[in-house]
N, C-alpha and C. Protein backbone atom coordinates (compact mmCIF):
# COMPACT_ATOMS: atom_id res chain seq x y z
N UNK A 1 7.68 11.36 -28.32
CA UNK A 1 6.91 10.43 -27.52
C UNK A 1 7.84 9.77 -26.50
N UNK A 2 7.31 9.52 -25.34
CA UNK A 2 8.10 8.92 -24.26
C UNK A 2 8.03 7.41 -24.38
N UNK A 3 9.18 6.76 -24.32
CA UNK A 3 9.18 5.30 -24.42
C UNK A 3 8.96 4.67 -23.05
N UNK A 4 8.85 3.37 -23.05
CA UNK A 4 8.51 2.63 -21.84
C UNK A 4 9.57 2.76 -20.76
N UNK A 5 10.83 2.79 -21.13
CA UNK A 5 11.91 2.92 -20.15
C UNK A 5 11.82 4.26 -19.45
N UNK A 6 11.56 5.33 -20.20
CA UNK A 6 11.41 6.65 -19.59
C UNK A 6 10.19 6.72 -18.67
N UNK A 7 9.11 6.05 -19.06
CA UNK A 7 7.91 6.02 -18.21
C UNK A 7 8.22 5.32 -16.89
N UNK A 8 8.95 4.23 -16.97
CA UNK A 8 9.27 3.48 -15.75
C UNK A 8 10.23 4.28 -14.87
N UNK A 9 11.18 4.99 -15.46
CA UNK A 9 12.08 5.85 -14.68
C UNK A 9 11.31 6.97 -14.00
N UNK A 10 10.38 7.59 -14.73
CA UNK A 10 9.57 8.65 -14.15
C UNK A 10 8.72 8.11 -13.00
N UNK A 11 8.11 6.93 -13.20
CA UNK A 11 7.30 6.34 -12.14
C UNK A 11 8.15 6.04 -10.91
N UNK A 12 9.37 5.54 -11.12
CA UNK A 12 10.26 5.26 -10.01
C UNK A 12 10.59 6.54 -9.24
N UNK A 13 10.84 7.62 -9.95
CA UNK A 13 11.13 8.90 -9.29
C UNK A 13 9.93 9.40 -8.49
N UNK A 14 8.75 9.34 -9.08
CA UNK A 14 7.55 9.81 -8.39
C UNK A 14 7.22 8.90 -7.20
N UNK A 15 7.38 7.59 -7.38
CA UNK A 15 7.10 6.66 -6.29
C UNK A 15 8.09 6.86 -5.14
N UNK A 16 9.34 7.14 -5.46
CA UNK A 16 10.32 7.38 -4.41
C UNK A 16 10.03 8.70 -3.70
N UNK A 17 9.63 9.71 -4.44
CA UNK A 17 9.39 11.02 -3.85
C UNK A 17 8.12 11.07 -3.01
N UNK A 18 7.04 10.51 -3.53
CA UNK A 18 5.76 10.59 -2.84
C UNK A 18 5.29 9.26 -2.24
N UNK A 19 5.59 8.17 -2.92
CA UNK A 19 5.08 6.88 -2.49
C UNK A 19 5.74 6.34 -1.24
N UNK A 20 7.07 6.47 -1.14
CA UNK A 20 7.76 5.92 0.03
C UNK A 20 7.37 6.62 1.33
N UNK A 21 7.30 7.96 1.37
CA UNK A 21 6.80 8.58 2.61
C UNK A 21 5.36 8.17 2.92
N UNK A 22 4.54 8.08 1.89
CA UNK A 22 3.16 7.63 2.10
C UNK A 22 3.09 6.19 2.59
N UNK A 23 3.99 5.36 2.07
CA UNK A 23 4.05 3.98 2.50
C UNK A 23 4.44 3.88 3.97
N UNK A 24 5.44 4.64 4.36
CA UNK A 24 5.89 4.62 5.77
C UNK A 24 4.77 5.11 6.69
N UNK A 25 4.16 6.22 6.34
CA UNK A 25 3.07 6.74 7.18
C UNK A 25 1.85 5.82 7.15
N UNK A 26 1.56 5.25 5.99
CA UNK A 26 0.41 4.35 5.89
C UNK A 26 0.59 3.08 6.70
N UNK A 27 1.78 2.49 6.63
CA UNK A 27 2.05 1.28 7.41
C UNK A 27 2.00 1.61 8.90
N UNK A 28 2.53 2.77 9.27
CA UNK A 28 2.50 3.18 10.68
C UNK A 28 1.05 3.35 11.15
N UNK A 29 0.26 4.07 10.37
CA UNK A 29 -1.13 4.30 10.77
C UNK A 29 -1.97 3.04 10.78
N UNK A 30 -1.82 2.23 9.75
CA UNK A 30 -2.60 0.99 9.68
C UNK A 30 -2.16 0.01 10.76
N UNK A 31 -0.85 -0.08 10.97
CA UNK A 31 -0.35 -0.97 12.03
C UNK A 31 -0.81 -0.51 13.40
N UNK A 32 -0.83 0.80 13.60
CA UNK A 32 -1.32 1.34 14.88
C UNK A 32 -2.80 1.02 15.06
N UNK A 33 -3.58 1.11 13.99
CA UNK A 33 -4.99 0.76 14.08
C UNK A 33 -5.20 -0.70 14.45
N UNK A 34 -4.42 -1.58 13.84
CA UNK A 34 -4.52 -3.01 14.18
C UNK A 34 -4.10 -3.23 15.63
N UNK A 35 -2.99 -2.63 16.02
CA UNK A 35 -2.48 -2.82 17.38
C UNK A 35 -3.46 -2.30 18.43
N UNK A 36 -4.01 -1.11 18.22
CA UNK A 36 -4.98 -0.55 19.16
C UNK A 36 -6.24 -1.40 19.19
N UNK A 37 -6.68 -1.85 18.03
CA UNK A 37 -7.88 -2.68 17.98
C UNK A 37 -7.71 -4.01 18.69
N UNK A 38 -6.48 -4.56 18.68
CA UNK A 38 -6.25 -5.86 19.31
C UNK A 38 -5.92 -5.76 20.80
N UNK A 39 -5.32 -4.65 21.23
CA UNK A 39 -4.81 -4.59 22.60
C UNK A 39 -5.60 -3.70 23.54
N UNK A 40 -6.29 -2.74 23.03
CA UNK A 40 -6.97 -1.78 23.90
C UNK A 40 -8.46 -2.07 23.99
N UNK A 41 -9.03 -1.87 25.16
CA UNK A 41 -10.49 -1.95 25.24
C UNK A 41 -11.10 -0.73 24.55
N UNK A 42 -12.40 -0.73 24.43
CA UNK A 42 -13.06 0.39 23.74
C UNK A 42 -12.83 1.68 24.51
N UNK A 43 -12.63 2.75 23.77
CA UNK A 43 -12.45 4.08 24.34
C UNK A 43 -13.52 4.99 23.78
N UNK A 44 -13.81 6.04 24.52
CA UNK A 44 -14.80 6.99 24.06
C UNK A 44 -14.31 7.66 22.79
N UNK A 45 -15.13 7.68 21.78
CA UNK A 45 -14.79 8.35 20.54
C UNK A 45 -14.12 7.46 19.50
N UNK A 46 -13.65 6.28 19.87
CA UNK A 46 -13.04 5.38 18.91
C UNK A 46 -14.05 4.34 18.45
N UNK A 47 -13.92 3.87 17.23
CA UNK A 47 -14.79 2.78 16.78
C UNK A 47 -14.50 1.51 17.58
N UNK A 48 -15.40 0.55 17.52
CA UNK A 48 -15.16 -0.72 18.24
C UNK A 48 -13.89 -1.40 17.73
N UNK A 49 -13.24 -2.20 18.56
CA UNK A 49 -11.98 -2.85 18.17
C UNK A 49 -12.03 -3.64 16.87
N UNK A 50 -13.09 -4.43 16.59
CA UNK A 50 -13.09 -5.15 15.31
C UNK A 50 -13.06 -4.21 14.10
N UNK A 51 -13.66 -3.05 14.22
CA UNK A 51 -13.65 -2.08 13.12
C UNK A 51 -12.25 -1.54 12.92
N UNK A 52 -11.56 -1.21 14.02
CA UNK A 52 -10.19 -0.72 13.93
C UNK A 52 -9.27 -1.77 13.29
N UNK A 53 -9.42 -3.01 13.70
CA UNK A 53 -8.60 -4.07 13.13
C UNK A 53 -8.90 -4.24 11.64
N UNK A 54 -10.16 -4.20 11.28
CA UNK A 54 -10.55 -4.33 9.87
C UNK A 54 -10.01 -3.20 9.02
N UNK A 55 -10.13 -1.96 9.50
CA UNK A 55 -9.60 -0.82 8.76
C UNK A 55 -8.08 -0.92 8.63
N UNK A 56 -7.43 -1.31 9.71
CA UNK A 56 -5.98 -1.43 9.67
C UNK A 56 -5.52 -2.50 8.69
N UNK A 57 -6.17 -3.66 8.73
CA UNK A 57 -5.79 -4.74 7.81
C UNK A 57 -6.09 -4.37 6.37
N UNK A 58 -7.19 -3.67 6.13
CA UNK A 58 -7.51 -3.23 4.77
C UNK A 58 -6.44 -2.25 4.27
N UNK A 59 -6.00 -1.36 5.14
CA UNK A 59 -4.95 -0.43 4.77
C UNK A 59 -3.64 -1.14 4.46
N UNK A 60 -3.28 -2.11 5.28
CA UNK A 60 -2.05 -2.86 5.05
C UNK A 60 -2.12 -3.66 3.75
N UNK A 61 -3.27 -4.26 3.47
CA UNK A 61 -3.42 -5.01 2.22
C UNK A 61 -3.37 -4.09 1.00
N UNK A 62 -3.94 -2.90 1.12
CA UNK A 62 -3.86 -1.94 0.03
C UNK A 62 -2.44 -1.49 -0.25
N UNK A 63 -1.68 -1.26 0.81
CA UNK A 63 -0.28 -0.88 0.63
C UNK A 63 0.54 -2.02 0.04
N UNK A 64 0.26 -3.24 0.47
CA UNK A 64 0.95 -4.40 -0.09
C UNK A 64 0.65 -4.53 -1.59
N UNK A 65 -0.61 -4.31 -1.97
CA UNK A 65 -0.98 -4.39 -3.38
C UNK A 65 -0.27 -3.31 -4.19
N UNK A 66 -0.16 -2.10 -3.65
CA UNK A 66 0.55 -1.03 -4.36
C UNK A 66 2.02 -1.40 -4.58
N UNK A 67 2.65 -1.94 -3.55
CA UNK A 67 4.06 -2.34 -3.67
C UNK A 67 4.20 -3.44 -4.72
N UNK A 68 3.32 -4.44 -4.70
CA UNK A 68 3.41 -5.56 -5.64
C UNK A 68 3.18 -5.10 -7.08
N UNK A 69 2.18 -4.26 -7.29
CA UNK A 69 1.91 -3.76 -8.64
C UNK A 69 3.04 -2.85 -9.13
N UNK A 70 3.57 -2.03 -8.24
CA UNK A 70 4.68 -1.16 -8.62
C UNK A 70 5.91 -1.97 -8.99
N UNK A 71 6.20 -3.00 -8.22
CA UNK A 71 7.36 -3.85 -8.52
C UNK A 71 7.18 -4.54 -9.87
N UNK A 72 6.00 -5.05 -10.14
CA UNK A 72 5.76 -5.71 -11.43
C UNK A 72 5.93 -4.74 -12.59
N UNK A 73 5.43 -3.52 -12.43
CA UNK A 73 5.56 -2.51 -13.48
C UNK A 73 7.02 -2.12 -13.70
N UNK A 74 7.74 -1.91 -12.61
CA UNK A 74 9.13 -1.46 -12.74
C UNK A 74 10.04 -2.56 -13.27
N UNK A 75 9.78 -3.81 -12.92
CA UNK A 75 10.66 -4.89 -13.34
C UNK A 75 10.37 -5.38 -14.76
N UNK A 76 9.10 -5.38 -15.17
CA UNK A 76 8.78 -5.98 -16.47
C UNK A 76 7.81 -5.15 -17.31
N UNK A 77 7.45 -3.97 -16.86
CA UNK A 77 6.56 -3.12 -17.65
C UNK A 77 5.16 -3.68 -17.75
N UNK A 78 4.53 -3.45 -18.89
CA UNK A 78 3.15 -3.89 -19.08
C UNK A 78 3.02 -5.40 -19.03
N UNK A 79 4.02 -6.09 -19.52
CA UNK A 79 3.96 -7.56 -19.46
C UNK A 79 3.98 -8.04 -18.00
N UNK A 80 4.71 -7.37 -17.16
CA UNK A 80 4.73 -7.74 -15.75
C UNK A 80 3.36 -7.61 -15.11
N UNK A 81 2.62 -6.60 -15.51
CA UNK A 81 1.26 -6.44 -14.97
C UNK A 81 0.32 -7.51 -15.52
N UNK A 82 0.55 -7.92 -16.75
CA UNK A 82 -0.30 -8.98 -17.33
C UNK A 82 -0.04 -10.33 -16.68
N UNK A 83 1.18 -10.56 -16.21
CA UNK A 83 1.54 -11.84 -15.60
C UNK A 83 0.96 -12.00 -14.21
N UNK A 84 0.60 -10.90 -13.57
CA UNK A 84 0.11 -10.98 -12.20
C UNK A 84 -1.25 -11.66 -12.13
N UNK A 85 -1.50 -12.26 -11.00
CA UNK A 85 -2.82 -12.85 -10.74
C UNK A 85 -3.85 -11.72 -10.66
N UNK A 86 -5.07 -11.93 -11.12
CA UNK A 86 -6.08 -10.87 -11.10
C UNK A 86 -6.40 -10.34 -9.70
N UNK A 87 -6.07 -11.09 -8.66
CA UNK A 87 -6.34 -10.61 -7.30
C UNK A 87 -5.62 -9.28 -7.05
N UNK A 88 -4.41 -9.15 -7.59
CA UNK A 88 -3.65 -7.91 -7.37
C UNK A 88 -4.32 -6.77 -8.08
C-alpha cells in the first residue's frame, strides 16, 4: 500500500509535469481574455467584452483555486485540506 508521503510525491511529480504547463497556458489564455475584453471593442466572431472578461476571470479564479488546494495538500496532506475554508 502506498503511504501518504509517496502519494504527495507522486502528486508533486504529476503536477510539475502536467499542471505547470497547463497553469502557464491557462493564465496566458485567461489573462488574454480579460485584456481583450477590457481593451478592445467588439469584433466579429468574438463574444461581447463582458463575457470575455467573465470567462477570463473565472479561468484565473479556477487556476488560483487549483494552486491553493495543491499547496495545502502538498504541505499538510489531508489535514491541510480540512483546514481550508470551504470556499476553496
